[in-house]
Amino acid sequence: VGSLLMVGYDFLLEIPAERLNMWHWFD
């Protein structure tokens, strides 16, 4: 449960992270 919650958090974070210059994907 804890691991799945963390993955869900990351899923929601990915789009904002790119726009906020946190990290970027080469693809």
mmCIF file of all heavy atoms, coordinates in Angstrom:
data_MODEL
# 
_entry.id   MODEL 
# 
loop_
_atom_site.group_PDB 
_atom_site.id 
_atom_site.type_symbol 
_atom_site.label_atom_id 
_atom_site.label_alt_id 
_atom_site.label_comp_id 
_atom_site.label_asym_id 
_atom_site.label_entity_id 
_atom_site.label_seq_id 
_atom_site.pdbx_PDB_ins_code 
_atom_site.Cartn_x 
_atom_site.Cartn_y 
_atom_site.Cartn_z 
_atom_site.occupancy 
_atom_site.B_iso_or_equiv 
_atom_site.pdbx_formal_charge 
_atom_site.auth_seq_id 
_atom_site.auth_comp_id 
_atom_site.auth_asym_id 
_atom_site.auth_atom_id 
_atom_site.pdbx_PDB_model_num 
ATOM 1   N N   . VAL A 1 1  ? 0.826  -1.204 0.000   1.00 0.00 ? 1  VAL A N   1 
ATOM 2   C CA  . VAL A 1 1  ? 0.000  0.000  0.000   1.00 0.00 ? 1  VAL A CA  1 
ATOM 3   C C   . VAL A 1 1  ? 0.861  1.255  0.000   1.00 0.00 ? 1  VAL A C   1 
ATOM 4   O O   . VAL A 1 1  ? 0.628  2.193  -0.778  1.00 0.00 ? 1  VAL A O   1 
ATOM 5   C CB  . VAL A 1 1  ? -0.946 0.006  1.222   1.00 0.00 ? 1  VAL A CB  1 
ATOM 6   C CG1 . VAL A 1 1  ? -1.660 1.352  1.353   1.00 0.00 ? 1  VAL A CG1 1 
ATOM 7   C CG2 . VAL A 1 1  ? -1.965 -1.115 1.112   1.00 0.00 ? 1  VAL A CG2 1 
ATOM 8   N N   . GLY A 1 2  ? 1.875  1.282  0.860   1.00 0.00 ? 2  GLY A N   1 
ATOM 9   C CA  . GLY A 1 2  ? 2.750  2.447  0.925   1.00 0.00 ? 2  GLY A CA  1 
ATOM 10  C C   . GLY A 1 2  ? 3.467  2.706  -0.383  1.00 0.00 ? 2  GLY A C   1 
ATOM 11  O O   . GLY A 1 2  ? 3.566  3.852  -0.848  1.00 0.00 ? 2  GLY A O   1 
ATOM 12  N N   . SER A 1 3  ? 3.952  1.644  -1.023  1.00 0.00 ? 3  SER A N   1 
ATOM 13  C CA  . SER A 1 3  ? 4.666  1.784  -2.296  1.00 0.00 ? 3  SER A CA  1 
ATOM 14  C C   . SER A 1 3  ? 3.743  2.285  -3.401  1.00 0.00 ? 3  SER A C   1 
ATOM 15  O O   . SER A 1 3  ? 4.119  3.150  -4.206  1.00 0.00 ? 3  SER A O   1 
ATOM 16  C CB  . SER A 1 3  ? 5.288  0.442  -2.704  1.00 0.00 ? 3  SER A CB  1 
ATOM 17  O OG  . SER A 1 3  ? 6.173  -0.022 -1.708  1.00 0.00 ? 3  SER A OG  1 
ATOM 18  N N   . LEU A 1 4  ? 2.521  1.759  -3.454  1.00 0.00 ? 4  LEU A N   1 
ATOM 19  C CA  . LEU A 1 4  ? 1.564  2.197  -4.474  1.00 0.00 ? 4  LEU A CA  1 
ATOM 20  C C   . LEU A 1 4  ? 1.170  3.658  -4.269  1.00 0.00 ? 4  LEU A C   1 
ATOM 21  O O   . LEU A 1 4  ? 0.982  4.403  -5.245  1.00 0.00 ? 4  LEU A O   1 
ATOM 22  C CB  . LEU A 1 4  ? 0.329  1.305  -4.448  1.00 0.00 ? 4  LEU A CB  1 
ATOM 23  C CG  . LEU A 1 4  ? 0.536  -0.126 -4.972  1.00 0.00 ? 4  LEU A CG  1 
ATOM 24  C CD1 . LEU A 1 4  ? -0.729 -0.955 -4.770  1.00 0.00 ? 4  LEU A CD1 1 
ATOM 25  C CD2 . LEU A 1 4  ? 0.929  -0.115 -6.448  1.00 0.00 ? 4  LEU A CD2 1 
ATOM 26  N N   . LEU A 1 5  ? 1.049  4.078  -3.019  1.00 0.00 ? 5  LEU A N   1 
ATOM 27  C CA  . LEU A 1 5  ? 0.753  5.489  -2.747  1.00 0.00 ? 5  LEU A CA  1 
ATOM 28  C C   . LEU A 1 5  ? 1.875  6.392  -3.251  1.00 0.00 ? 5  LEU A C   1 
ATOM 29  O O   . LEU A 1 5  ? 1.616  7.470  -3.807  1.00 0.00 ? 5  LEU A O   1 
ATOM 30  C CB  . LEU A 1 5  ? 0.552  5.704  -1.241  1.00 0.00 ? 5  LEU A CB  1 
ATOM 31  C CG  . LEU A 1 5  ? -0.754 5.184  -0.646  1.00 0.00 ? 5  LEU A CG  1 
ATOM 32  C CD1 . LEU A 1 5  ? -0.720 5.296  0.881   1.00 0.00 ? 5  LEU A CD1 1 
ATOM 33  C CD2 . LEU A 1 5  ? -1.951 5.937  -1.205  1.00 0.00 ? 5  LEU A CD2 1 
ATOM 34  N N   . MET A 1 6  ? 3.110  5.952  -3.096  1.00 0.00 ? 6  MET A N   1 
ATOM 35  C CA  . MET A 1 6  ? 4.245  6.732  -3.573  1.00 0.00 ? 6  MET A CA  1 
ATOM 36  C C   . MET A 1 6  ? 4.263  6.831  -5.094  1.00 0.00 ? 6  MET A C   1 
ATOM 37  O O   . MET A 1 6  ? 4.557  7.881  -5.666  1.00 0.00 ? 6  MET A O   1 
ATOM 38  C CB  . MET A 1 6  ? 5.557  6.144  -3.042  1.00 0.00 ? 6  MET A CB  1 
ATOM 39  C CG  . MET A 1 6  ? 5.743  6.353  -1.547  1.00 0.00 ? 6  MET A CG  1 
ATOM 40  S SD  . MET A 1 6  ? 7.218  5.555  -0.865  1.00 0.00 ? 6  MET A SD  1 
ATOM 41  C CE  . MET A 1 6  ? 8.530  6.564  -1.588  1.00 0.00 ? 6  MET A CE  1 
ATOM 42  N N   . VAL A 1 7  ? 3.928  5.729  -5.762  1.00 0.00 ? 7  VAL A N   1 
ATOM 43  C CA  . VAL A 1 7  ? 3.880  5.743  -7.230  1.00 0.00 ? 7  VAL A CA  1 
ATOM 44  C C   . VAL A 1 7  ? 2.759  6.670  -7.707  1.00 0.00 ? 7  VAL A C   1 
ATOM 45  O O   . VAL A 1 7  ? 2.926  7.420  -8.679  1.00 0.00 ? 7  VAL A O   1 
ATOM 46  C CB  . VAL A 1 7  ? 3.681  4.320  -7.778  1.00 0.00 ? 7  VAL A CB  1 
ATOM 47  C CG1 . VAL A 1 7  ? 3.458  4.358  -9.297  1.00 0.00 ? 7  VAL A CG1 1 
ATOM 48  C CG2 . VAL A 1 7  ? 4.898  3.454  -7.470  1.00 0.00 ? 7  VAL A CG2 1 
ATOM 49  N N   . GLY A 1 8  ? 1.616  6.620  -7.020  1.00 0.00 ? 8  GLY A N   1 
ATOM 50  C CA  . GLY A 1 8  ? 0.520  7.513  -7.375  1.00 0.00 ? 8  GLY A CA  1 
ATOM 51  C C   . GLY A 1 8  ? 0.899  8.981  -7.218  1.00 0.00 ? 8  GLY A C   1 
ATOM 52  O O   . GLY A 1 8  ? 0.548  9.825  -8.049  1.00 0.00 ? 8  GLY A O   1 
ATOM 53  N N   . TYR A 1 9  ? 1.630  9.269  -6.154  1.00 0.00 ? 9  TYR A N   1 
ATOM 54  C CA  . TYR A 1 9  ? 2.116  10.630 -5.924  1.00 0.00 ? 9  TYR A CA  1 
ATOM 55  C C   . TYR A 1 9  ? 3.027  11.071 -7.071  1.00 0.00 ? 9  TYR A C   1 
ATOM 56  O O   . TYR A 1 9  ? 2.887  12.172 -7.612  1.00 0.00 ? 9  TYR A O   1 
ATOM 57  C CB  . TYR A 1 9  ? 2.869  10.663 -4.597  1.00 0.00 ? 9  TYR A CB  1 
ATOM 58  C CG  . TYR A 1 9  ? 3.413  12.011 -4.193  1.00 0.00 ? 9  TYR A CG  1 
ATOM 59  C CD1 . TYR A 1 9  ? 2.684  12.840 -3.338  1.00 0.00 ? 9  TYR A CD1 1 
ATOM 60  C CD2 . TYR A 1 9  ? 4.656  12.449 -4.627  1.00 0.00 ? 9  TYR A CD2 1 
ATOM 61  C CE1 . TYR A 1 9  ? 3.183  14.073 -2.950  1.00 0.00 ? 9  TYR A CE1 1 
ATOM 62  C CE2 . TYR A 1 9  ? 5.159  13.683 -4.246  1.00 0.00 ? 9  TYR A CE2 1 
ATOM 63  C CZ  . TYR A 1 9  ? 4.420  14.484 -3.405  1.00 0.00 ? 9  TYR A CZ  1 
ATOM 64  O OH  . TYR A 1 9  ? 4.914  15.714 -3.024  1.00 0.00 ? 9  TYR A OH  1 
ATOM 65  N N   . ASP A 1 10 ? 3.953  10.199 -7.452  1.00 0.00 ? 10 ASP A N   1 
ATOM 66  C CA  . ASP A 1 10 ? 4.870  10.527 -8.548  1.00 0.00 ? 10 ASP A CA  1 
ATOM 67  C C   . ASP A 1 10 ? 4.117  10.737 -9.854  1.00 0.00 ? 10 ASP A C   1 
ATOM 68  O O   . ASP A 1 10 ? 4.456  11.627 -10.638 1.00 0.00 ? 10 ASP A O   1 
ATOM 69  C CB  . ASP A 1 10 ? 5.913  9.421  -8.719  1.00 0.00 ? 10 ASP A CB  1 
ATOM 70  C CG  . ASP A 1 10 ? 6.842  9.691  -9.891  1.00 0.00 ? 10 ASP A CG  1 
ATOM 71  O OD1 . ASP A 1 10 ? 7.548  10.712 -9.860  1.00 0.00 ? 10 ASP A OD1 1 
ATOM 72  O OD2 . ASP A 1 10 ? 6.858  8.879  -10.839 1.00 0.00 ? 10 ASP A OD2 1 
ATOM 73  N N   . PHE A 1 11 ? 3.086  9.939  -10.094 1.00 0.00 ? 11 PHE A N   1 
ATOM 74  C CA  . PHE A 1 11 ? 2.299  10.065 -11.325 1.00 0.00 ? 11 PHE A CA  1 
ATOM 75  C C   . PHE A 1 11 ? 1.702  11.467 -11.441 1.00 0.00 ? 11 PHE A C   1 
ATOM 76  O O   . PHE A 1 11 ? 1.734  12.085 -12.508 1.00 0.00 ? 11 PHE A O   1 
ATOM 77  C CB  . PHE A 1 11 ? 1.188  9.012  -11.332 1.00 0.00 ? 11 PHE A CB  1 
ATOM 78  C CG  . PHE A 1 11 ? 0.323  9.060  -12.562 1.00 0.00 ? 11 PHE A CG  1 
ATOM 79  C CD1 . PHE A 1 11 ? 0.745  8.486  -13.754 1.00 0.00 ? 11 PHE A CD1 1 
ATOM 80  C CD2 . PHE A 1 11 ? -0.913 9.692  -12.525 1.00 0.00 ? 11 PHE A CD2 1 
ATOM 81  C CE1 . PHE A 1 11 ? -0.052 8.544  -14.885 1.00 0.00 ? 11 PHE A CE1 1 
ATOM 82  C CE2 . PHE A 1 11 ? -1.709 9.750  -13.645 1.00 0.00 ? 11 PHE A CE2 1 
ATOM 83  C CZ  . PHE A 1 11 ? -1.280 9.168  -14.839 1.00 0.00 ? 11 PHE A CZ  1 
ATOM 84  N N   . LEU A 1 12 ? 1.164  11.977 -10.336 1.00 0.00 ? 12 LEU A N   1 
ATOM 85  C CA  . LEU A 1 12 ? 0.564  13.311 -10.355 1.00 0.00 ? 12 LEU A CA  1 
ATOM 86  C C   . LEU A 1 12 ? 1.616  14.415 -10.408 1.00 0.00 ? 12 LEU A C   1 
ATOM 87  O O   . LEU A 1 12 ? 1.330  15.524 -10.875 1.00 0.00 ? 12 LEU A O   1 
ATOM 88  C CB  . LEU A 1 12 ? -0.318 13.509 -9.115  1.00 0.00 ? 12 LEU A CB  1 
ATOM 89  C CG  . LEU A 1 12 ? -1.590 12.665 -9.055  1.00 0.00 ? 12 LEU A CG  1 
ATOM 90  C CD1 . LEU A 1 12 ? -2.319 12.908 -7.736  1.00 0.00 ? 12 LEU A CD1 1 
ATOM 91  C CD2 . LEU A 1 12 ? -2.508 12.974 -10.231 1.00 0.00 ? 12 LEU A CD2 1 
ATOM 92  N N   . LEU A 1 13 ? 2.806  14.125 -9.952  1.00 0.00 ? 13 LEU A N   1 
ATOM 93  C CA  . LEU A 1 13 ? 3.866  15.128 -9.886  1.00 0.00 ? 13 LEU A CA  1 
ATOM 94  C C   . LEU A 1 13 ? 4.585  15.326 -11.217 1.00 0.00 ? 13 LEU A C   1 
ATOM 95  O O   . LEU A 1 13 ? 5.158  16.401 -11.455 1.00 0.00 ? 13 LEU A O   1 
ATOM 96  C CB  . LEU A 1 13 ? 4.883  14.726 -8.809  1.00 0.00 ? 13 LEU A CB  1 
ATOM 97  C CG  . LEU A 1 13 ? 6.121  15.606 -8.608  1.00 0.00 ? 13 LEU A CG  1 
ATOM 98  C CD1 . LEU A 1 13 ? 5.730  17.041 -8.268  1.00 0.00 ? 13 LEU A CD1 1 
ATOM 99  C CD2 . LEU A 1 13 ? 7.002  15.031 -7.514  1.00 0.00 ? 13 LEU A CD2 1 
ATOM 100 N N   . GLU A 1 14 ? 4.556  14.333 -12.104 1.00 0.00 ? 14 GLU A N   1 
ATOM 101 C CA  . GLU A 1 14 ? 5.425  14.350 -13.279 1.00 0.00 ? 14 GLU A CA  1 
ATOM 102 C C   . GLU A 1 14 ? 5.207  15.560 -14.185 1.00 0.00 ? 14 GLU A C   1 
ATOM 103 O O   . GLU A 1 14 ? 6.171  16.195 -14.621 1.00 0.00 ? 14 GLU A O   1 
ATOM 104 C CB  . GLU A 1 14 ? 5.262  13.058 -14.083 1.00 0.00 ? 14 GLU A CB  1 
ATOM 105 C CG  . GLU A 1 14 ? 5.916  11.845 -13.444 1.00 0.00 ? 14 GLU A CG  1 
ATOM 106 C CD  . GLU A 1 14 ? 7.429  11.980 -13.310 1.00 0.00 ? 14 GLU A CD  1 
ATOM 107 O OE1 . GLU A 1 14 ? 8.036  12.818 -14.013 1.00 0.00 ? 14 GLU A OE1 1 
ATOM 108 O OE2 . GLU A 1 14 ? 8.008  11.247 -12.496 1.00 0.00 ? 14 GLU A OE2 1 
ATOM 109 N N   . ILE A 1 15 ? 3.973  15.901 -14.480 1.00 0.00 ? 15 ILE A N   1 
ATOM 110 C CA  . ILE A 1 15 ? 3.726  17.045 -15.373 1.00 0.00 ? 15 ILE A CA  1 
ATOM 111 C C   . ILE A 1 15 ? 4.161  18.359 -14.726 1.00 0.00 ? 15 ILE A C   1 
ATOM 112 O O   . ILE A 1 15 ? 4.893  19.147 -15.347 1.00 0.00 ? 15 ILE A O   1 
ATOM 113 C CB  . ILE A 1 15 ? 2.242  17.100 -15.799 1.00 0.00 ? 15 ILE A CB  1 
ATOM 114 C CG1 . ILE A 1 15 ? 1.913  15.899 -16.684 1.00 0.00 ? 15 ILE A CG1 1 
ATOM 115 C CG2 . ILE A 1 15 ? 1.939  18.412 -16.542 1.00 0.00 ? 15 ILE A CG2 1 
ATOM 116 C CD1 . ILE A 1 15 ? 0.448  15.819 -17.098 1.00 0.00 ? 15 ILE A CD1 1 
ATOM 117 N N   . PRO A 1 16 ? 3.762  18.637 -13.475 1.00 0.00 ? 16 PRO A N   1 
ATOM 118 C CA  . PRO A 1 16 ? 4.249  19.869 -12.836 1.00 0.00 ? 16 PRO A CA  1 
ATOM 119 C C   . PRO A 1 16 ? 5.771  19.911 -12.714 1.00 0.00 ? 16 PRO A C   1 
ATOM 120 O O   . PRO A 1 16 ? 6.374  20.988 -12.848 1.00 0.00 ? 16 PRO A O   1 
ATOM 121 C CB  . PRO A 1 16 ? 3.584  19.846 -11.458 1.00 0.00 ? 16 PRO A CB  1 
ATOM 122 C CG  . PRO A 1 16 ? 2.351  19.028 -11.651 1.00 0.00 ? 16 PRO A CG  1 
ATOM 123 C CD  . PRO A 1 16 ? 2.744  17.970 -12.646 1.00 0.00 ? 16 PRO A CD  1 
ATOM 124 N N   . ALA A 1 17 ? 6.398  18.770 -12.435 1.00 0.00 ? 17 ALA A N   1 
ATOM 125 C CA  . ALA A 1 17 ? 7.855  18.743 -12.248 1.00 0.00 ? 17 ALA A CA  1 
ATOM 126 C C   . ALA A 1 17 ? 8.584  19.252 -13.489 1.00 0.00 ? 17 ALA A C   1 
ATOM 127 O O   . ALA A 1 17 ? 9.573  19.993 -13.389 1.00 0.00 ? 17 ALA A O   1 
ATOM 128 C CB  . ALA A 1 17 ? 8.312  17.325 -11.916 1.00 0.00 ? 17 ALA A CB  1 
ATOM 129 N N   . GLU A 1 18 ? 8.096  18.883 -14.647 1.00 0.00 ? 18 GLU A N   1 
ATOM 130 C CA  . GLU A 1 18 ? 8.702  19.333 -15.901 1.00 0.00 ? 18 GLU A CA  1 
ATOM 131 C C   . GLU A 1 18 ? 8.564  20.843 -16.048 1.00 0.00 ? 18 GLU A C   1 
ATOM 132 O O   . GLU A 1 18 ? 9.539  21.542 -16.346 1.00 0.00 ? 18 GLU A O   1 
ATOM 133 C CB  . GLU A 1 18 ? 8.012  18.630 -17.073 1.00 0.00 ? 18 GLU A CB  1 
ATOM 134 C CG  . GLU A 1 18 ? 8.475  19.086 -18.434 1.00 0.00 ? 18 GLU A CG  1 
ATOM 135 C CD  . GLU A 1 18 ? 9.756  18.423 -18.889 1.00 0.00 ? 18 GLU A CD  1 
ATOM 136 O OE1 . GLU A 1 18 ? 10.092 17.356 -18.353 1.00 0.00 ? 18 GLU A OE1 1 
ATOM 137 O OE2 . GLU A 1 18 ? 10.415 18.982 -19.792 1.00 0.00 ? 18 GLU A OE2 1 
ATOM 138 N N   . ARG A 1 19 ? 7.369  21.360 -15.799 1.00 0.00 ? 19 ARG A N   1 
ATOM 139 C CA  . ARG A 1 19 ? 7.118  22.787 -16.000 1.00 0.00 ? 19 ARG A CA  1 
ATOM 140 C C   . ARG A 1 19 ? 7.778  23.644 -14.929 1.00 0.00 ? 19 ARG A C   1 
ATOM 141 O O   . ARG A 1 19 ? 8.082  24.821 -15.158 1.00 0.00 ? 19 ARG A O   1 
ATOM 142 C CB  . ARG A 1 19 ? 5.605  23.051 -16.014 1.00 0.00 ? 19 ARG A CB  1 
ATOM 143 C CG  . ARG A 1 19 ? 4.847  22.304 -17.105 1.00 0.00 ? 19 ARG A CG  1 
ATOM 144 C CD  . ARG A 1 19 ? 5.173  22.801 -18.495 1.00 0.00 ? 19 ARG A CD  1 
ATOM 145 N NE  . ARG A 1 19 ? 4.719  24.140 -18.736 1.00 0.00 ? 19 ARG A NE  1 
ATOM 146 C CZ  . ARG A 1 19 ? 3.490  24.451 -19.187 1.00 0.00 ? 19 ARG A CZ  1 
ATOM 147 N NH1 . ARG A 1 19 ? 2.614  23.489 -19.437 1.00 0.00 ? 19 ARG A NH1 1 
ATOM 148 N NH2 . ARG A 1 19 ? 3.148  25.692 -19.407 1.00 0.00 ? 19 ARG A NH2 1 
ATOM 149 N N   . LEU A 1 20 ? 8.012  23.070 -13.743 1.00 0.00 ? 20 LEU A N   1 
ATOM 150 C CA  . LEU A 1 20 ? 8.637  23.815 -12.659 1.00 0.00 ? 20 LEU A CA  1 
ATOM 151 C C   . LEU A 1 20 ? 10.152 23.646 -12.625 1.00 0.00 ? 20 LEU A C   1 
ATOM 152 O O   . LEU A 1 20 ? 10.812 24.049 -11.668 1.00 0.00 ? 20 LEU A O   1 
ATOM 153 C CB  . LEU A 1 20 ? 8.041  23.382 -11.313 1.00 0.00 ? 20 LEU A CB  1 
ATOM 154 C CG  . LEU A 1 20 ? 6.525  23.561 -11.148 1.00 0.00 ? 20 LEU A CG  1 
ATOM 155 C CD1 . LEU A 1 20 ? 6.080  23.135 -9.758  1.00 0.00 ? 20 LEU A CD1 1 
ATOM 156 C CD2 . LEU A 1 20 ? 6.127  24.994 -11.416 1.00 0.00 ? 20 LEU A CD2 1 
ATOM 157 N N   . ASN A 1 21 ? 10.695 23.047 -13.674 1.00 0.00 ? 21 ASN A N   1 
ATOM 158 C CA  . ASN A 1 21 ? 12.148 22.861 -13.818 1.00 0.00 ? 21 ASN A CA  1 
ATOM 159 C C   . ASN A 1 21 ? 12.748 22.027 -12.688 1.00 0.00 ? 21 ASN A C   1 
ATOM 160 O O   . ASN A 1 21 ? 13.877 22.267 -12.240 1.00 0.00 ? 21 ASN A O   1 
ATOM 161 C CB  . ASN A 1 21 ? 12.847 24.224 -13.883 1.00 0.00 ? 21 ASN A CB  1 
ATOM 162 C CG  . ASN A 1 21 ? 14.284 24.106 -14.407 1.00 0.00 ? 21 ASN A CG  1 
ATOM 163 O OD1 . ASN A 1 21 ? 14.598 23.196 -15.185 1.00 0.00 ? 21 ASN A OD1 1 
ATOM 164 N ND2 . ASN A 1 21 ? 15.157 24.992 -13.973 1.00 0.00 ? 21 ASN A ND2 1 
ATOM 165 N N   . MET A 1 22 ? 11.981 21.037 -12.208 1.00 0.00 ? 22 MET A N   1 
ATOM 166 C CA  . MET A 1 22 ? 12.520 20.115 -11.214 1.00 0.00 ? 22 MET A CA  1 
ATOM 167 C C   . MET A 1 22 ? 13.364 19.049 -11.904 1.00 0.00 ? 22 MET A C   1 
ATOM 168 O O   . MET A 1 22 ? 14.517 18.824 -11.561 1.00 0.00 ? 22 MET A O   1 
ATOM 169 C CB  . MET A 1 22 ? 11.394 19.467 -10.419 1.00 0.00 ? 22 MET A CB  1 
ATOM 170 C CG  . MET A 1 22 ? 10.637 20.427 -9.518  1.00 0.00 ? 22 MET A CG  1 
ATOM 171 S SD  . MET A 1 22 ? 9.339  19.580 -8.579  1.00 0.00 ? 22 MET A SD  1 
ATOM 172 C CE  . MET A 1 22 ? 8.654  20.946 -7.655  1.00 0.00 ? 22 MET A CE  1 
ATOM 173 N N   . TRP A 1 23 ? 12.759 18.365 -12.879 1.00 0.00 ? 23 TRP A N   1 
ATOM 174 C CA  . TRP A 1 23 ? 13.501 17.410 -13.705 1.00 0.00 ? 23 TRP A CA  1 
ATOM 175 C C   . TRP A 1 23 ? 12.856 17.331 -15.076 1.00 0.00 ? 23 TRP A C   1 
ATOM 176 O O   . TRP A 1 23 ? 11.716 17.741 -15.281 1.00 0.00 ? 23 TRP A O   1 
ATOM 177 C CB  . TRP A 1 23 ? 13.591 16.033 -13.057 1.00 0.00 ? 23 TRP A CB  1 
ATOM 178 C CG  . TRP A 1 23 ? 12.275 15.377 -12.744 1.00 0.00 ? 23 TRP A CG  1 
ATOM 179 C CD1 . TRP A 1 23 ? 11.459 14.692 -13.602 1.00 0.00 ? 23 TRP A CD1 1 
ATOM 180 C CD2 . TRP A 1 23 ? 11.636 15.327 -11.467 1.00 0.00 ? 23 TRP A CD2 1 
ATOM 181 N NE1 . TRP A 1 23 ? 10.349 14.233 -12.945 1.00 0.00 ? 23 TRP A NE1 1 
ATOM 182 C CE2 . TRP A 1 23 ? 10.430 14.599 -11.629 1.00 0.00 ? 23 TRP A CE2 1 
ATOM 183 C CE3 . TRP A 1 23 ? 11.965 15.816 -10.194 1.00 0.00 ? 23 TRP A CE3 1 
ATOM 184 C CZ2 . TRP A 1 23 ? 9.557  14.359 -10.567 1.00 0.00 ? 23 TRP A CZ2 1 
ATOM 185 C CZ3 . TRP A 1 23 ? 11.091 15.580 -9.144  1.00 0.00 ? 23 TRP A CZ3 1 
ATOM 186 C CH2 . TRP A 1 23 ? 9.907  14.853 -9.330  1.00 0.00 ? 23 TRP A CH2 1 
ATOM 187 N N   . HIS A 1 24 ? 13.615 16.807 -16.027 1.00 0.00 ? 24 HIS A N   1 
ATOM 188 C CA  . HIS A 1 24 ? 13.167 16.757 -17.417 1.00 0.00 ? 24 HIS A CA  1 
ATOM 189 C C   . HIS A 1 24 ? 13.489 15.387 -18.017 1.00 0.00 ? 24 HIS A C   1 
ATOM 190 O O   . HIS A 1 24 ? 14.519 14.789 -17.699 1.00 0.00 ? 24 HIS A O   1 
ATOM 191 C CB  . HIS A 1 24 ? 13.852 17.849 -18.244 1.00 0.00 ? 24 HIS A CB  1 
ATOM 192 C CG  . HIS A 1 24 ? 13.681 19.230 -17.689 1.00 0.00 ? 24 HIS A CG  1 
ATOM 193 N ND1 . HIS A 1 24 ? 12.582 20.019 -17.965 1.00 0.00 ? 24 HIS A ND1 1 
ATOM 194 C CD2 . HIS A 1 24 ? 14.462 19.951 -16.837 1.00 0.00 ? 24 HIS A CD2 1 
ATOM 195 C CE1 . HIS A 1 24 ? 12.700 21.169 -17.335 1.00 0.00 ? 24 HIS A CE1 1 
ATOM 196 N NE2 . HIS A 1 24 ? 13.832 21.157 -16.636 1.00 0.00 ? 24 HIS A NE2 1 
ATOM 197 N N   . TRP A 1 25 ? 12.608 14.923 -18.894 1.00 0.00 ? 25 TRP A N   1 
ATOM 198 C CA  . TRP A 1 25 ? 12.787 13.639 -19.572 1.00 0.00 ? 25 TRP A CA  1 
ATOM 199 C C   . TRP A 1 25 ? 13.292 13.876 -20.987 1.00 0.00 ? 25 TRP A C   1 
ATOM 200 O O   . TRP A 1 25 ? 12.766 14.726 -21.709 1.00 0.00 ? 25 TRP A O   1 
ATOM 201 C CB  . TRP A 1 25 ? 11.471 12.870 -19.603 1.00 0.00 ? 25 TRP A CB  1 
ATOM 202 C CG  . TRP A 1 25 ? 10.996 12.511 -18.232 1.00 0.00 ? 25 TRP A CG  1 
ATOM 203 C CD1 . TRP A 1 25 ? 10.151 13.224 -17.433 1.00 0.00 ? 25 TRP A CD1 1 
ATOM 204 C CD2 . TRP A 1 25 ? 11.400 11.370 -17.470 1.00 0.00 ? 25 TRP A CD2 1 
ATOM 205 N NE1 . TRP A 1 25 ? 9.989  12.604 -16.220 1.00 0.00 ? 25 TRP A NE1 1 
ATOM 206 C CE2 . TRP A 1 25 ? 10.734 11.457 -16.218 1.00 0.00 ? 25 TRP A CE2 1 
ATOM 207 C CE3 . TRP A 1 25 ? 12.232 10.274 -17.718 1.00 0.00 ? 25 TRP A CE3 1 
ATOM 208 C CZ2 . TRP A 1 25 ? 10.896 10.498 -15.217 1.00 0.00 ? 25 TRP A CZ2 1 
ATOM 209 C CZ3 . TRP A 1 25 ? 12.392 9.324  -16.738 1.00 0.00 ? 25 TRP A CZ3 1 
ATOM 210 C CH2 . TRP A 1 25 ? 11.732 9.426  -15.510 1.00 0.00 ? 25 TRP A CH2 1 
ATOM 211 N N   . PHE A 1 26 ? 14.301 13.123 -21.386 1.00 0.00 ? 26 PHE A N   1 
ATOM 212 C CA  . PHE A 1 26 ? 14.836 13.286 -22.735 1.00 0.00 ? 26 PHE A CA  1 
ATOM 213 C C   . PHE A 1 26 ? 13.797 12.945 -23.795 1.00 0.00 ? 26 PHE A C   1 
ATOM 214 O O   . PHE A 1 26 ? 13.820 13.485 -24.899 1.00 0.00 ? 26 PHE A O   1 
ATOM 215 C CB  . PHE A 1 26 ? 16.085 12.408 -22.918 1.00 0.00 ? 26 PHE A CB  1 
ATOM 216 C CG  . PHE A 1 26 ? 17.294 12.935 -22.189 1.00 0.00 ? 26 PHE A CG  1 
ATOM 217 C CD1 . PHE A 1 26 ? 17.763 12.304 -21.054 1.00 0.00 ? 26 PHE A CD1 1 
ATOM 218 C CD2 . PHE A 1 26 ? 17.955 14.064 -22.636 1.00 0.00 ? 26 PHE A CD2 1 
ATOM 219 C CE1 . PHE A 1 26 ? 18.876 12.784 -20.375 1.00 0.00 ? 26 PHE A CE1 1 
ATOM 220 C CE2 . PHE A 1 26 ? 19.080 14.562 -21.967 1.00 0.00 ? 26 PHE A CE2 1 
ATOM 221 C CZ  . PHE A 1 26 ? 19.537 13.914 -20.829 1.00 0.00 ? 26 PHE A CZ  1 
ATOM 222 N N   . ASP A 1 27 ? 12.885 12.044 -23.470 1.00 0.00 ? 27 ASP A N   1 
ATOM 223 C CA  . ASP A 1 27 ? 11.817 11.679 -24.408 1.00 0.00 ? 27 ASP A CA  1 
ATOM 224 C C   . ASP A 1 27 ? 10.585 12.561 -24.269 1.00 0.00 ? 27 ASP A C   1 
ATOM 225 O O   . ASP A 1 27 ? 9.575  12.333 -24.933 1.00 0.00 ? 27 ASP A O   1 
ATOM 226 C CB  . ASP A 1 27 ? 11.406 10.213 -24.198 1.00 0.00 ? 27 ASP A CB  1 
ATOM 227 C CG  . ASP A 1 27 ? 12.517 9.245  -24.598 1.00 0.00 ? 27 ASP A CG  1 
ATOM 228 O OD1 . ASP A 1 27 ? 13.337 9.633  -25.452 1.00 0.00 ? 27 ASP A OD1 1 
ATOM 229 O OD2 . ASP A 1 27 ? 12.555 8.132  -24.054 1.00 0.00 ? 27 ASP A OD2 1 
# 
